[in-house]
C-alpha atoms as a PDB file:
ATOM      1  CA  MET A   1      44.699  11.023 -27.861  1.00  0.00           C
ATOM      2  CA  SER A   2      46.732  13.937 -26.650  1.00  0.00           C
ATOM      3  CA  GLU A   3      47.404  14.574 -22.970  1.00  0.00           C
ATOM      4  CA  PRO A   4      44.804  17.371 -22.567  1.00  0.00           C
ATOM      5  CA  ASP A   5      42.149  15.243 -24.356  1.00  0.00           C
ATOM      6  CA  GLY A   6      42.926  12.267 -22.112  1.00  0.00           C
ATOM      7  CA  ARG A   7      42.638  14.408 -19.021  1.00  0.00           C
ATOM      8  CA  THR A   8      39.304  15.833 -20.179  1.00  0.00           C
ATOM      9  CA  TRP A   9      37.981  12.327 -20.834  1.00  0.00           C
ATOM     10  CA  ARG A  10      39.067  11.138 -17.367  1.00  0.00           C
ATOM     11  CA  ASP A  11      37.443  14.179 -15.748  1.00  0.00           C
ATOM     12  CA  GLN A  12      34.218  13.494 -17.625  1.00  0.00           C
ATOM     13  CA  GLN A  13      34.304   9.843 -16.547  1.00  0.00           C
ATOM     14  CA  ARG A  14      34.877  10.823 -12.911  1.00  0.00           C
ATOM     15  CA  GLN A  15      31.974  13.272 -13.064  1.00  0.00           C
ATOM     16  CA  ALA A  16      29.720  10.618 -14.608  1.00  0.00           C
ATOM     17  CA  VAL A  17      30.657   8.077 -11.938  1.00  0.00           C
ATOM     18  CA  ARG A  18      30.114  10.642  -9.190  1.00  0.00           C
ATOM     19  CA  ALA A  19      26.714  11.644 -10.639  1.00  0.00           C
ATOM     20  CA  HIS A  20      25.690   7.974 -10.830  1.00  0.00           C
ATOM     21  CA  ALA A  21      26.763   7.357  -7.215  1.00  0.00           C
ATOM     22  CA  ASP A  22      24.923  10.484  -6.041  1.00  0.00           C
ATOM     23  CA  ALA A  23      21.751   9.378  -7.847  1.00  0.00           C
ATOM     24  CA  GLU A  24      22.003   5.916  -6.269  1.00  0.00           C
ATOM     25  CA  THR A  25      22.449   7.477  -2.819  1.00  0.00           C
ATOM     26  CA  ARG A  26      19.357   9.655  -3.327  1.00  0.00           C
ATOM     27  CA  ARG A  27      17.340   6.653  -4.580  1.00  0.00           C
ATOM     28  CA  ARG A  28      18.370   4.540  -1.602  1.00  0.00           C
ATOM     29  CA  ALA A  29      17.532   7.355   0.866  1.00  0.00           C
ATOM     30  CA  ALA A  30      14.087   7.825  -0.716  1.00  0.00           C
ATOM     31  CA  GLU A  31      13.456   4.070  -0.556  1.00  0.00           C
ATOM     32  CA  GLN A  32      14.507   3.902   3.099  1.00  0.00           C
ATOM     33  CA  SER A  33      12.291   6.883   3.930  1.00  0.00           C
ATOM     34  CA  GLU A  34       9.283   5.257   2.253  1.00  0.00           C
ATOM     35  CA  ALA A  35       9.946   1.947   4.023  1.00  0.00           C
ATOM     36  CA  ALA A  36      10.288   3.718   7.389  1.00  0.00           C
ATOM     37  CA  GLU A  37       6.932   5.385   6.758  1.00  0.00           C
ATOM     38  CA  LEU A  38       5.386   1.968   6.055  1.00  0.00           C
ATOM     39  CA  VAL A  39       6.837   0.531   9.266  1.00  0.00           C
ATOM     40  CA  ALA A  40       5.548   3.498  11.308  1.00  0.00           C
ATOM     41  CA  TRP A  41       2.099   3.074   9.723  1.00  0.00           C
ATOM     42  CA  PHE A  42       2.174  -0.638  10.559  1.00  0.00           C
ATOM     43  CA  VAL A  43       3.029  -0.074  14.238  1.00  0.00           C
ATOM     44  CA  ALA A  44       0.280   2.544  14.627  1.00  0.00           C
ATOM     45  CA  GLU A  45      -2.248   0.296  12.884  1.00  0.00           C
ATOM     46  CA  ALA A  46      -1.195  -2.805  14.866  1.00  0.00           C
ATOM     47  CA  ILE A  47      -1.630  -0.911  18.132  1.00  0.00           C
ATOM     48  CA  ARG A  48      -4.962   0.531  16.972  1.00  0.00           C
ATOM     49  CA  ARG A  49      -6.215  -2.963  16.078  1.00  0.00           C
ATOM     50  CA  GLY A  50      -4.937  -4.467  19.305  1.00  0.00           C
ATOM     51  CA  LEU A  51      -2.517  -6.844  17.570  1.00  0.00           C
ATOM     52  CA  PRO A  52      -0.490  -8.121  20.519  1.00  0.00           C
ATOM     53  CA  PRO A  53       3.285  -7.805  20.271  1.00  0.00           C
ATOM     54  CA  THR A  54       5.464 -10.715  21.332  1.00  0.00           C
ATOM     55  CA  ARG A  55       8.958 -11.130  22.782  1.00  0.00           C
ATOM     56  CA  LEU A  56      11.233 -11.407  19.776  1.00  0.00           C
ATOM     57  CA  VAL A  57      13.813 -14.159  19.531  1.00  0.00           C
ATOM     58  CA  ALA A  58      16.842 -14.088  17.230  1.00  0.00           C
ATOM     59  CA  ARG A  59      18.288 -17.073  15.408  1.00  0.00           C
ATOM     60  CA  GLY A  60      21.898 -17.961  14.832  1.00  0.00           C
ATOM     61  CA  TYR A  61      23.314 -17.596  11.353  1.00  0.00           C
ATOM     62  CA  ASP A  62      23.360 -21.366  11.054  1.00  0.00           C
ATOM     63  CA  GLY A  63      19.632 -21.474  11.849  1.00  0.00           C
ATOM     64  CA  ARG A  64      20.019 -23.801  14.808  1.00  0.00           C
ATOM     65  CA  GLY A  65      20.230 -21.653  17.934  1.00  0.00           C
ATOM     66  CA  ARG A  66      17.534 -19.356  19.304  1.00  0.00           C
ATOM     67  CA  TYR A  67      18.620 -16.397  21.421  1.00  0.00           C
ATOM     68  CA  ARG A  68      16.713 -14.054  23.714  1.00  0.00           C
ATOM     69  CA  THR A  69      16.488 -10.385  22.822  1.00  0.00           C
ATOM     70  CA  GLY A  70      15.205  -7.416  24.770  1.00  0.00           C
ATOM     71  CA  LEU A  71      12.848  -6.625  21.898  1.00  0.00           C
ATOM     72  CA  THR A  72       9.083  -6.775  21.770  1.00  0.00           C
ATOM     73  CA  GLY A  73       7.247  -6.525  18.477  1.00  0.00           C
ATOM     74  CA  TRP A  74       5.898  -8.486  15.544  1.00  0.00           C
ATOM     75  CA  TYR A  75       7.587 -10.964  13.229  1.00  0.00           C
ATOM     76  CA  VAL A  76       6.827 -10.011   9.645  1.00  0.00           C
ATOM     77  CA  ASP A  77       7.827 -13.225   7.901  1.00  0.00           C
ATOM     78  CA  ARG A  78       7.121 -16.921   8.362  1.00  0.00           C
ATOM     79  CA  ALA A  79      10.757 -17.720   9.130  1.00  0.00           C
ATOM     80  CA  GLU A  80      10.705 -15.178  11.975  1.00  0.00           C
ATOM     81  CA  THR A  81      13.969 -13.648  10.799  1.00  0.00           C
ATOM     82  CA  ARG A  82      12.570 -10.146  10.246  1.00  0.00           C
ATOM     83  CA  ALA A  83      10.564  -8.129  12.714  1.00  0.00           C
ATOM     84  CA  VAL A  84       9.280  -4.696  13.625  1.00  0.00           C
ATOM     85  CA  ASP A  85       9.598  -3.649  17.244  1.00  0.00           C
ATOM     86  CA  VAL A  86       7.026  -1.589  19.137  1.00  0.00           C
ATOM     87  CA  ALA A  87       9.211   1.507  18.676  1.00  0.00           C
ATOM     88  CA  GLY A  88       8.803   1.223  14.888  1.00  0.00           C
ATOM     89  CA  ARG A  89      12.276  -0.095  14.059  1.00  0.00           C
ATOM     90  CA  PHE A  90      12.931  -2.894  11.580  1.00  0.00           C
ATOM     91  CA  HIS A  91      15.221  -5.723  12.701  1.00  0.00           C
ATOM     92  CA  LEU A  92      16.957  -8.607  11.003  1.00  0.00           C
ATOM     93  CA  LEU A  93      16.973 -11.337  13.612  1.00  0.00           C
ATOM     94  CA  ASN A  94      19.910 -13.386  12.364  1.00  0.00           C
ATOM     95  CA  VAL A  95      22.855 -13.066  14.717  1.00  0.00           C
ATOM     96  CA  PRO A  96      26.170 -14.734  15.397  1.00  0.00           C
ATOM     97  CA  GLY A  97      25.355 -17.319  18.016  1.00  0.00           C
ATOM     98  CA  GLY A  98      27.464 -19.059  20.582  1.00  0.00           C
ATOM     99  CA  LEU A  99      27.562 -19.791  24.258  1.00  0.00           C
ATOM    100  CA  ARG A 100      27.776 -16.133  25.293  1.00  0.00           C
ATOM    101  CA  ALA A 101      24.705 -15.268  23.180  1.00  0.00           C
ATOM    102  CA  TRP A 102      22.839 -18.232  24.645  1.00  0.00           C
ATOM    103  CA  ILE A 103      23.645 -17.200  28.222  1.00  0.00           C
ATOM    104  CA  PHE A 104      23.259 -13.417  27.995  1.00  0.00           C
ATOM    105  CA  GLY A 105      20.974 -13.011  25.008  1.00  0.00           C
ATOM    106  CA  VAL A 106      21.606 -10.766  22.034  1.00  0.00           C
ATOM    107  CA  ASP A 107      20.886  -7.179  21.068  1.00  0.00           C
ATOM    108  CA  PRO A 108      20.117  -7.062  17.341  1.00  0.00           C
ATOM    109  CA  GLN A 109      20.485  -3.517  16.072  1.00  0.00           C
ATOM    110  CA  PRO A 110      17.790  -1.954  13.879  1.00  0.00           C
ATOM    111  CA  SER A 111      18.460  -1.769  10.186  1.00  0.00           C
ATOM    112  CA  PRO A 112      16.811   0.165   7.376  1.00  0.00           C
ATOM    113  CA  ALA A 113      13.694  -1.629   6.207  1.00  0.00           C
ATOM    114  CA  PRO A 114      13.731  -2.660   2.545  1.00  0.00           C
ATOM    115  CA  LEU A 115      10.783  -1.829   0.316  1.00  0.00           C
ATOM    116  CA  VAL A 116      11.106  -5.297  -1.189  1.00  0.00           C
ATOM    117  CA  VAL A 117      11.981  -8.076   1.232  1.00  0.00           C
ATOM    118  CA  GLY A 118      14.223 -10.741  -0.234  1.00  0.00           C
ATOM    119  CA  ALA A 119      15.182  -8.763  -3.336  1.00  0.00           C
ATOM    120  CA  GLY A 120      18.507  -9.975  -4.667  1.00  0.00           C
ATOM    121  CA  GLY A 121      18.347 -13.189  -2.676  1.00  0.00           C
ATOM    122  CA  ARG A 122      19.569 -16.428  -4.169  1.00  0.00           C
ATOM    123  CA  ASP A 123      16.196 -18.176  -3.944  1.00  0.00           C
ATOM    124  CA  GLY A 124      14.598 -15.575  -6.201  1.00  0.00           C
ATOM    125  CA  GLU A 125      11.668 -15.038  -3.856  1.00  0.00           C
ATOM    126  CA  SER A 126      10.866 -11.476  -2.943  1.00  0.00           C
ATOM    127  CA  ILE A 127       7.790  -9.727  -1.620  1.00  0.00           C
ATOM    128  CA  PRO A 128       6.962  -6.066  -1.105  1.00  0.00           C
ATOM    129  CA  LEU A 129       7.217  -4.922   2.501  1.00  0.00           C
ATOM    130  CA  ARG A 130       3.735  -3.410   2.175  1.00  0.00           C
ATOM    131  CA  THR A 131       2.327  -6.879   1.384  1.00  0.00           C
ATOM    132  CA  LEU A 132       4.069  -8.520   4.350  1.00  0.00           C
ATOM    133  CA  LEU A 133       2.840  -5.890   6.782  1.00  0.00           C
ATOM    134  CA  THR A 134      -0.694  -5.921   5.390  1.00  0.00           C
ATOM    135  CA  ARG A 135      -0.869  -9.715   5.649  1.00  0.00           C
ATOM    136  CA  LEU A 136       0.266  -9.570   9.237  1.00  0.00           C
ATOM    137  CA  LEU A 137      -2.459  -7.069  10.089  1.00  0.00           C
ATOM    138  CA  ASP A 138      -5.050  -9.185   8.282  1.00  0.00           C
ATOM    139  CA  GLY A 139      -4.327 -12.475   9.924  1.00  0.00           C
ATOM    140  CA  GLY A 140      -0.709 -13.450  10.205  1.00  0.00           C
ATOM    141  CA  PRO A 141       2.553 -13.492   8.273  1.00  0.00           C
ATOM    142  CA  GLY A 142       1.649 -16.554   6.225  1.00  0.00           C
ATOM    143  CA  GLU A 143      -1.953 -15.706   5.487  1.00  0.00           C
ATOM    144  CA  PRO A 144      -2.968 -13.703   2.440  1.00  0.00           C
ATOM    145  CA  GLY A 145      -5.550 -11.209   3.548  1.00  0.00           C
ATOM    146  CA  THR A 146      -7.936  -8.638   2.290  1.00  0.00           C
ATOM    147  CA  THR A 147      -7.114  -4.980   1.902  1.00  0.00           C
ATOM    148  CA  THR A 148      -6.621  -3.280   5.239  1.00  0.00           C
ATOM    149  CA  ARG A 149      -8.395  -0.154   6.315  1.00  0.00           C
ATOM    150  CA  PRO A 150      -6.946   2.420   6.495  1.00  0.00           C
ATOM    151  CA  ALA A 151      -4.805   1.585   3.536  1.00  0.00           C
ATOM    152  CA  ALA A 152      -1.049   1.466   3.782  1.00  0.00           C
ATOM    153  CA  PRO A 153       0.520   4.716   2.640  1.00  0.00           C
ATOM    154  CA  ARG A 154       1.546   4.756  -0.979  1.00  0.00           C
ATOM    155  CA  GLY A 155       4.914   6.163  -2.017  1.00  0.00           C
END
């Protein structure tokens, strides 16, 4: 391959990589937007139905400690490691623990909600966010329920 051909090939490869990265960024943004819409729908529906929010507690990474937060909302999974606060933000409630966290509490920051909770996890168990939120509205995070009315928005 001559020098100009090699340069052209490298430029084409760079453009292909850039296009792939841009497409992945757009896909991720669309997914986060759809998940945020689901979370907003859930909060509105939970308030409409009178589903009482609770004080949310975070757990240490090791799973042993429980730490106070300033958050109020609803746990969306049985393990109580994921929650939606009353402001419509999604939180992962695993935090670094320690004495300071135990004394002063913790302030878990919101994170983008995933459309599929547990996707890519080592245990292989995943569930659509829509299903988790619908179950919670219908009777609790561990209870399969019937279809909610009004229906969760579809992407």
